[in-house]
C-alpha cells in the first residue's frame, strides 16, 4: 500500500500505526469508513479544518458527532469559529477534501482533539488520502501533532 505524507510522518517519527484502505465515496465520510473497515464509529475521527478567529485549525471529532463551532472557538480562546473554505483548507494542508489529515499537513495547524478520544488507547483518522485511514495510539497522536484534548 502506498504511503501518504501522513504515514511518512508517522514512520519517520517511529510511531506504530496500521494503514487501512476502503472504497472512498463522495459524501460517505468517516461513518462510511468506520462501517467499511469494521471500526467502532466512536473511534473513527473526522479531520475538519476550521477558521478560529484569524487562524486555521484542525478539529478532530468522532464520526458519530457534529463539531460545535462554539465549543471550538472557546477552546481556541476566540469569539468566533467557522468551517474553513474548502479551497483554503486544501491549500493550507495540501490534501483534498475527503482526505484531510493533521498528519503530514503542508502547513502545521493547531490540532484540537475531542476529549472522547482520550477514552481510547487507539483511534483512527484519515491518513492523508481519500480512502486511506490510519490507526494509531491516541497518546502518540497527541504528542506528535501537539493536540489539545478539549470538549468539541
Protein backbone atom coordinates (compact mmCIF):
# COMPACT_ATOMS: atom_id res chain seq x y z
CA UNK A 1 0.00 0.00 0.00
CA UNK A 2 1.43 3.38 -1.00
CA UNK A 3 2.47 5.76 1.74
CA UNK A 4 0.88 9.15 2.20
CA UNK A 5 2.59 12.22 3.66
CA UNK A 6 0.76 11.31 6.87
CA UNK A 7 2.14 7.78 7.08
CA UNK A 8 5.58 9.04 6.09
CA UNK A 9 5.47 11.42 9.07
CA UNK A 10 4.44 8.54 11.36
CA UNK A 11 7.17 6.24 10.03
CA UNK A 12 9.86 8.90 10.40
CA UNK A 13 8.71 9.61 13.97
CA UNK A 14 8.80 5.91 14.80
CA UNK A 15 5.08 5.80 15.62
CA UNK A 16 3.49 2.35 15.34
CA UNK A 17 0.45 2.52 13.09
CA UNK A 18 -1.77 0.48 10.79
CA UNK A 19 -2.79 1.80 7.38
CA UNK A 20 -6.18 0.66 6.12
CA UNK A 21 -7.92 1.25 2.79
CA UNK A 22 -11.59 1.45 1.90
CA UNK A 23 -13.54 2.40 -1.22
CA UNK A 24 -13.96 6.17 -0.86
CA UNK A 25 -17.37 7.50 -1.90
CA UNK A 26 -18.03 11.25 -2.10
CA UNK A 27 -20.18 12.24 0.87
CA UNK A 28 -19.64 8.95 2.70
CA UNK A 29 -17.40 10.46 5.35
CA UNK A 30 -15.96 8.96 8.48
CA UNK A 31 -19.08 6.92 9.26
CA UNK A 32 -18.76 5.15 5.92
CA UNK A 33 -15.07 4.50 6.58
CA UNK A 34 -15.85 3.08 10.03
CA UNK A 35 -18.57 0.83 8.61
CA UNK A 36 -16.46 -0.38 5.68
CA UNK A 37 -13.45 -1.10 7.92
CA UNK A 38 -15.35 -2.61 10.84
CA UNK A 39 -14.15 0.08 13.26
CA UNK A 40 -16.41 1.33 16.06
CA UNK A 41 -17.62 4.75 14.86
CA UNK A 42 -16.68 6.38 18.19
CA UNK A 43 -13.00 5.52 17.46
CA UNK A 44 -13.09 6.90 13.89
CA UNK A 45 -12.33 10.62 13.90
CA UNK A 46 -13.18 13.20 11.23
CA UNK A 47 -10.37 15.64 10.41
CA UNK A 48 -12.08 19.00 9.92
CA UNK A 49 -10.40 22.31 9.10
CA UNK A 50 -11.99 25.37 10.65
CA UNK A 51 -11.17 29.04 10.93
CA UNK A 52 -10.99 30.09 14.59
CA UNK A 53 -10.50 33.82 14.78
CA UNK A 54 -7.82 34.59 12.19
CA UNK A 55 -6.24 31.12 12.16
CA UNK A 56 -6.94 27.76 10.57
CA UNK A 57 -7.07 24.80 12.95
CA UNK A 58 -7.79 21.08 12.79
CA UNK A 59 -10.76 19.84 14.80
CA UNK A 60 -10.88 16.06 15.25
CA UNK A 61 -14.30 14.74 16.24
CA UNK A 62 -15.80 11.24 16.28
CA UNK A 63 -17.63 10.06 13.17
CA UNK A 64 -20.80 9.94 15.26
CA UNK A 65 -20.58 13.58 16.40
CA UNK A 66 -21.01 17.05 14.97
CA UNK A 67 -18.39 19.71 15.63
CA UNK A 68 -19.62 22.51 17.88
CA UNK A 69 -18.06 25.65 16.41
CA UNK A 70 -19.00 27.49 19.60
CA UNK A 71 -17.03 24.98 21.71
CA UNK A 72 -14.12 25.10 19.27
CA UNK A 73 -13.97 28.90 19.49
CA UNK A 74 -13.98 28.66 23.30
CA UNK A 75 -11.20 26.05 23.25
CA UNK A 76 -9.06 28.23 20.96
CA UNK A 77 -9.85 31.33 23.01
CA UNK A 78 -11.56 33.34 20.28
CA UNK A 79 -15.08 34.71 19.84
CA UNK A 80 -15.97 33.00 16.56
CA UNK A 81 -15.19 29.86 14.59
CA UNK A 82 -16.50 28.67 11.24
CA UNK A 83 -15.72 25.89 8.82
CA UNK A 84 -12.87 26.84 6.52
CA UNK A 85 -13.49 27.44 2.85
CA UNK A 86 -12.70 24.09 1.18
CA UNK A 87 -10.19 25.63 -1.25
CA UNK A 88 -8.42 27.42 1.60
CA UNK A 89 -8.28 24.17 3.61
CA UNK A 90 -6.86 22.30 0.61
CA UNK A 91 -4.18 24.98 0.00
CA UNK A 92 -3.11 25.04 3.65
CA UNK A 93 -2.98 21.27 4.13
CA UNK A 94 -2.03 20.05 0.67
CA UNK A 95 -4.83 17.49 0.94
CA UNK A 96 -8.16 17.14 -0.87
CA UNK A 97 -11.49 17.34 0.92
CA UNK A 98 -12.21 13.75 1.94
CA UNK A 99 -8.52 13.16 2.58
CA UNK A 100 -7.66 15.81 5.20
CA UNK A 101 -5.27 14.87 7.99
CA UNK A 102 -3.23 16.72 10.60
CA UNK A 103 -0.52 14.15 9.81
CA UNK A 104 1.79 15.40 7.07
CA UNK A 105 -0.21 18.58 6.53
CA UNK A 106 1.66 21.07 4.33
CA UNK A 107 1.17 23.76 6.97
CA UNK A 108 1.31 22.72 10.64
CA UNK A 109 -2.04 23.80 12.06
CA UNK A 110 -3.03 23.67 15.74
CA UNK A 111 -4.94 20.44 16.47
CA UNK A 112 -7.92 20.14 18.82
CA UNK A 113 -8.97 16.56 19.54
CA UNK A 114 -12.37 15.93 21.08
CA UNK A 115 -11.86 14.75 24.64
CA UNK A 116 -13.71 11.50 23.85
CA UNK A 117 -10.56 10.41 22.02
CA UNK A 118 -8.86 10.12 25.39
CA UNK A 119 -11.18 7.23 26.24
CA UNK A 120 -9.46 5.01 23.65
CA UNK A 121 -5.96 3.60 23.56
CA UNK A 122 -6.05 3.73 19.76
CA UNK A 123 -8.08 5.89 17.37
CA UNK A 124 -8.46 6.08 13.60
CA UNK A 125 -8.30 9.11 11.32
CA UNK A 126 -7.56 9.97 7.74
CA UNK A 127 -4.03 9.10 6.68
CA UNK A 128 -3.84 11.91 4.13
CA UNK A 129 -5.63 10.43 1.15
CA UNK A 130 -9.16 9.61 0.13
CA UNK A 131 -9.94 6.04 1.17
CA UNK A 132 -6.91 5.79 3.47
CA UNK A 133 -7.29 5.55 7.25
CA UNK A 134 -4.57 5.17 9.85
CA UNK A 135 -4.98 3.62 13.28
CA UNK A 136 -2.52 4.75 15.94
CA UNK A 137 -2.17 5.28 19.64
CA UNK A 138 -4.07 8.29 20.92
CA UNK A 139 -1.18 9.44 23.11
CA UNK A 140 1.26 9.13 20.21
CA UNK A 141 -1.03 11.27 18.02
CA UNK A 142 -1.38 13.90 20.75
CA UNK A 143 2.38 14.05 21.23
CA UNK A 144 3.25 14.06 17.53
CA UNK A 145 0.88 16.84 16.45
CA UNK A 146 0.70 18.70 19.76
CA UNK A 147 -3.04 18.12 20.00
CA UNK A 148 -5.10 19.53 22.84
CA UNK A 149 -7.90 17.34 24.21
CA UNK A 150 -10.98 19.54 24.54
CA UNK A 151 -14.77 19.28 24.54
CA UNK A 152 -15.83 19.83 20.94
